[in-house]
Amino acid sequence: MNPRFTWPDERLIKAAQDGDVTSLTTVVMESQPHVRKFARALCASPQDAEDAAQEALIILYRKIGTLRATGALASWMFRIVRNECLRQVRLFVSRGGGAAAEADASAEPSAEEAVLHRLEVERLAAAVSALPRDQRQVLILRDVQGLPGKTVARSLGLSTAAMKSRLHRARAALRHSLAATDHAVDPSVGGDSPL
């Protein structure tokens, strides 16, 4: 018996799409190990991974009828898990860093510091959101979630060299964007006049 899990076969997926509840339950159960593996590889923490996997399985159960090709189940589930992990990162950033922000709360920042911190978080989130999708993905997976480069490359279907190149472009674009907003706020920053 092969201990490796396999994805549900296409006949089972088709029966689930046609409304057969037993087939649908089987598809969800057979997909679960793969979905959890995707989530562990893509999400920042074990709790985020568990939340993303559960949400992805719920979406699979509710929306399997929207899957266009029965052979595309794996890529569809990967996209759902990836999107859920990215949503969690956006929530984390919008909360000001979650646990790190709570740990700093004991220092009782002034109201002015709190406002400045919030503005900086919003500025950073906006700059990341403005990146092209391919650059944003690699930056979040590598720099925000801290995944190893090989894991990021594999999860995005890239060679390690292509992932590094994309990450370099994303970091450069982010630095440029943040520098541009620094100039817009304070033209004396950096010594150059704004364009």
Protein backbone atom coordinates (compact mmCIF):
# COMPACT_ATOMS: atom_id res chain seq x y z
CA MET A 1 0.00 0.00 0.00
CA ASN A 2 1.45 3.36 -1.00
CA PRO A 3 1.49 5.69 2.03
CA ARG A 4 1.37 8.74 -0.25
CA PHE A 5 -1.99 10.40 -0.68
CA THR A 6 -3.48 10.82 -4.13
CA TRP A 7 -5.93 13.39 -5.39
CA PRO A 8 -9.50 12.17 -6.05
CA ASP A 9 -9.97 10.74 -9.53
CA GLU A 10 -11.87 12.64 -12.20
CA ARG A 11 -14.94 10.37 -12.13
CA LEU A 12 -15.36 11.02 -8.41
CA ILE A 13 -14.94 14.78 -8.90
CA LYS A 14 -17.49 14.74 -11.72
CA ALA A 15 -20.00 12.87 -9.54
CA ALA A 16 -19.42 15.42 -6.75
CA GLN A 17 -20.00 18.27 -9.22
CA ASP A 18 -23.25 16.59 -10.26
CA GLY A 19 -24.46 16.73 -6.65
CA ASP A 20 -23.68 13.24 -5.32
CA VAL A 21 -23.17 13.91 -1.59
CA THR A 22 -21.16 10.73 -0.93
CA SER A 23 -18.77 11.59 -3.76
CA LEU A 24 -18.50 15.17 -2.55
CA THR A 25 -17.63 14.02 0.98
CA THR A 26 -15.03 11.63 -0.43
CA VAL A 27 -13.50 14.38 -2.61
CA VAL A 28 -13.18 16.67 0.43
CA MET A 29 -11.68 13.90 2.58
CA GLU A 30 -9.18 12.83 -0.11
CA SER A 31 -8.21 16.45 -0.80
CA GLN A 32 -7.66 17.30 2.85
CA PRO A 33 -4.02 16.07 3.21
CA HIS A 34 -2.96 17.99 0.09
CA VAL A 35 -4.75 21.16 1.16
CA ARG A 36 -3.14 21.02 4.60
CA LYS A 37 0.28 20.51 3.00
CA PHE A 38 -0.24 23.54 0.74
CA ALA A 39 -1.34 25.61 3.73
CA ARG A 40 1.66 24.59 5.86
CA ALA A 41 3.98 25.58 3.00
CA LEU A 42 2.30 28.91 2.26
CA CYS A 43 1.03 30.34 5.54
CA ALA A 44 3.04 32.20 8.17
CA SER A 45 2.09 30.09 11.18
CA PRO A 46 0.57 26.69 11.97
CA GLN A 47 -2.64 28.41 13.13
CA ASP A 48 -2.89 30.40 9.88
CA ALA A 49 -2.26 27.18 7.95
CA GLU A 50 -5.05 25.38 9.79
CA ASP A 51 -7.46 28.29 9.24
CA ALA A 52 -6.56 28.50 5.54
CA ALA A 53 -6.96 24.74 5.06
CA GLN A 54 -10.36 24.71 6.74
CA GLU A 55 -11.56 27.68 4.68
CA ALA A 56 -10.29 26.05 1.46
CA LEU A 57 -12.09 22.79 2.26
CA ILE A 58 -15.31 24.68 2.98
CA ILE A 59 -14.99 26.46 -0.38
CA LEU A 60 -14.35 23.10 -2.07
CA TYR A 61 -17.48 21.66 -0.48
CA ARG A 62 -19.68 24.62 -1.36
CA LYS A 63 -18.33 25.54 -4.79
CA ILE A 64 -17.08 22.36 -6.44
CA GLY A 65 -19.67 22.97 -9.16
CA THR A 66 -17.71 26.06 -10.28
CA LEU A 67 -14.58 23.99 -11.01
CA ARG A 68 -14.30 24.06 -14.80
CA ALA A 69 -12.09 21.03 -15.40
CA THR A 70 -12.08 17.99 -13.14
CA GLY A 71 -8.33 17.61 -13.73
CA ALA A 72 -7.69 21.10 -12.34
CA LEU A 73 -8.67 20.33 -8.73
CA ALA A 74 -5.10 20.53 -7.39
CA SER A 75 -4.31 23.90 -8.98
CA TRP A 76 -7.72 25.28 -7.95
CA MET A 77 -7.16 24.24 -4.34
CA PHE A 78 -3.63 25.66 -4.38
CA ARG A 79 -4.98 29.04 -5.55
CA ILE A 80 -7.67 29.02 -2.85
CA VAL A 81 -5.14 28.22 -0.11
CA ARG A 82 -2.67 30.80 -1.45
CA ASN A 83 -5.36 33.49 -1.57
CA GLU A 84 -6.46 32.64 1.97
CA CYS A 85 -2.87 32.89 3.24
CA LEU A 86 -2.46 36.25 1.47
CA ARG A 87 -5.73 37.45 3.02
CA GLN A 88 -4.37 36.55 6.45
CA VAL A 89 -1.17 38.51 5.75
CA ARG A 90 -3.25 41.55 4.76
CA LEU A 91 -5.23 41.23 8.00
CA PHE A 92 -1.98 40.93 9.95
CA VAL A 93 -0.54 44.06 8.29
CA SER A 94 -3.78 46.02 8.73
CA ARG A 95 -3.77 45.15 12.44
CA GLY A 96 -0.30 46.65 12.72
CA GLY A 97 1.62 43.43 13.09
CA GLY A 98 -0.53 41.47 15.52
CA ALA A 99 1.50 39.93 18.34
CA ALA A 100 4.47 42.24 17.76
CA ALA A 101 2.19 45.24 18.15
CA GLU A 102 0.70 43.72 21.33
CA ALA A 103 4.19 43.13 22.78
CA ASP A 104 5.09 46.76 22.12
CA ALA A 105 1.88 47.90 23.80
CA SER A 106 3.46 47.42 27.24
CA ALA A 107 5.77 50.35 26.41
CA GLU A 108 2.66 52.59 26.19
CA PRO A 109 3.42 54.56 23.03
CA SER A 110 2.19 58.12 22.89
CA ALA A 111 -0.83 58.96 20.78
CA GLU A 112 1.48 60.62 18.25
CA GLU A 113 3.69 57.50 18.01
CA ALA A 114 0.62 55.30 17.59
CA VAL A 115 -0.67 57.48 14.73
CA LEU A 116 2.75 57.56 13.05
CA HIS A 117 3.09 53.78 13.38
CA ARG A 118 -0.37 53.27 11.89
CA LEU A 119 0.43 55.60 8.99
CA GLU A 120 3.71 53.75 8.34
CA VAL A 121 1.92 50.38 8.34
CA GLU A 122 -0.71 51.73 5.93
CA ARG A 123 1.99 53.20 3.68
CA LEU A 124 3.87 49.90 3.60
CA ALA A 125 0.69 47.88 2.96
CA ALA A 126 -0.28 50.25 0.13
CA ALA A 127 3.18 49.97 -1.43
CA VAL A 128 3.08 46.17 -1.28
CA SER A 129 -0.47 46.12 -2.69
CA ALA A 130 0.64 48.33 -5.60
CA LEU A 131 3.30 45.85 -6.73
CA PRO A 132 2.51 43.71 -9.76
CA ARG A 133 0.84 40.46 -8.69
CA ASP A 134 3.85 38.22 -9.46
CA GLN A 135 6.20 40.46 -7.45
CA ARG A 136 3.71 40.85 -4.59
CA GLN A 137 3.33 37.06 -4.27
CA VAL A 138 7.05 36.34 -4.06
CA LEU A 139 7.67 39.24 -1.65
CA ILE A 140 4.91 38.17 0.74
CA LEU A 141 5.89 34.50 0.70
CA ARG A 142 9.63 35.19 1.14
CA ASP A 143 9.85 38.39 3.21
CA VAL A 144 6.55 38.52 5.10
CA GLN A 145 5.94 34.83 5.71
CA GLY A 146 9.65 34.00 5.83
CA LEU A 147 9.42 30.86 3.68
CA PRO A 148 12.69 29.40 2.35
CA GLY A 149 13.53 30.45 -1.21
CA LYS A 150 13.23 26.93 -2.59
CA THR A 151 9.76 26.57 -1.05
CA VAL A 152 8.67 29.88 -2.56
CA ALA A 153 10.05 28.94 -5.97
CA ARG A 154 8.37 25.52 -5.90
CA SER A 155 5.00 26.87 -4.72
CA LEU A 156 4.98 29.48 -7.51
CA GLY A 157 6.23 27.06 -10.16
CA LEU A 158 9.50 28.96 -10.69
CA SER A 159 13.15 28.03 -10.79
CA THR A 160 15.13 29.28 -7.80
CA ALA A 161 16.95 31.73 -10.07
CA ALA A 162 13.67 33.11 -11.44
CA MET A 163 12.27 33.44 -7.91
CA LYS A 164 15.39 35.35 -6.78
CA SER A 165 15.17 37.66 -9.79
CA ARG A 166 11.49 38.34 -9.16
CA LEU A 167 12.17 38.94 -5.45
CA HIS A 168 14.99 41.36 -6.29
CA ARG A 169 12.69 43.32 -8.63
CA ALA A 170 9.93 43.34 -5.98
CA ARG A 171 12.27 44.64 -3.26
CA ALA A 172 13.68 47.31 -5.60
CA ALA A 173 10.17 48.41 -6.62
CA LEU A 174 9.09 48.53 -2.98
CA ARG A 175 12.14 50.61 -1.99
CA HIS A 176 11.47 52.95 -4.91
CA SER A 177 7.80 53.29 -4.00
CA LEU A 178 8.58 54.00 -0.34
CA ALA A 179 11.30 56.48 -1.29
CA ALA A 180 8.86 58.23 -3.63
CA THR A 181 6.31 58.59 -0.82
CA ASP A 182 9.10 59.87 1.47
CA HIS A 183 9.84 62.57 -1.12
CA ALA A 184 6.16 63.41 -1.45
CA VAL A 185 5.86 63.85 2.33
CA ASP A 186 9.20 65.61 2.85
CA PRO A 187 10.98 66.91 -0.28
CA SER A 188 14.24 67.32 1.69
CA VAL A 189 14.52 63.53 2.24
CA GLY A 190 17.34 62.03 0.20
CA GLY A 191 18.64 65.38 -1.06
CA ASP A 192 17.08 65.07 -4.52
CA SER A 193 14.20 67.17 -5.63
CA PRO A 194 11.03 65.28 -6.53
CA LEU A 195 10.26 64.79 -10.22
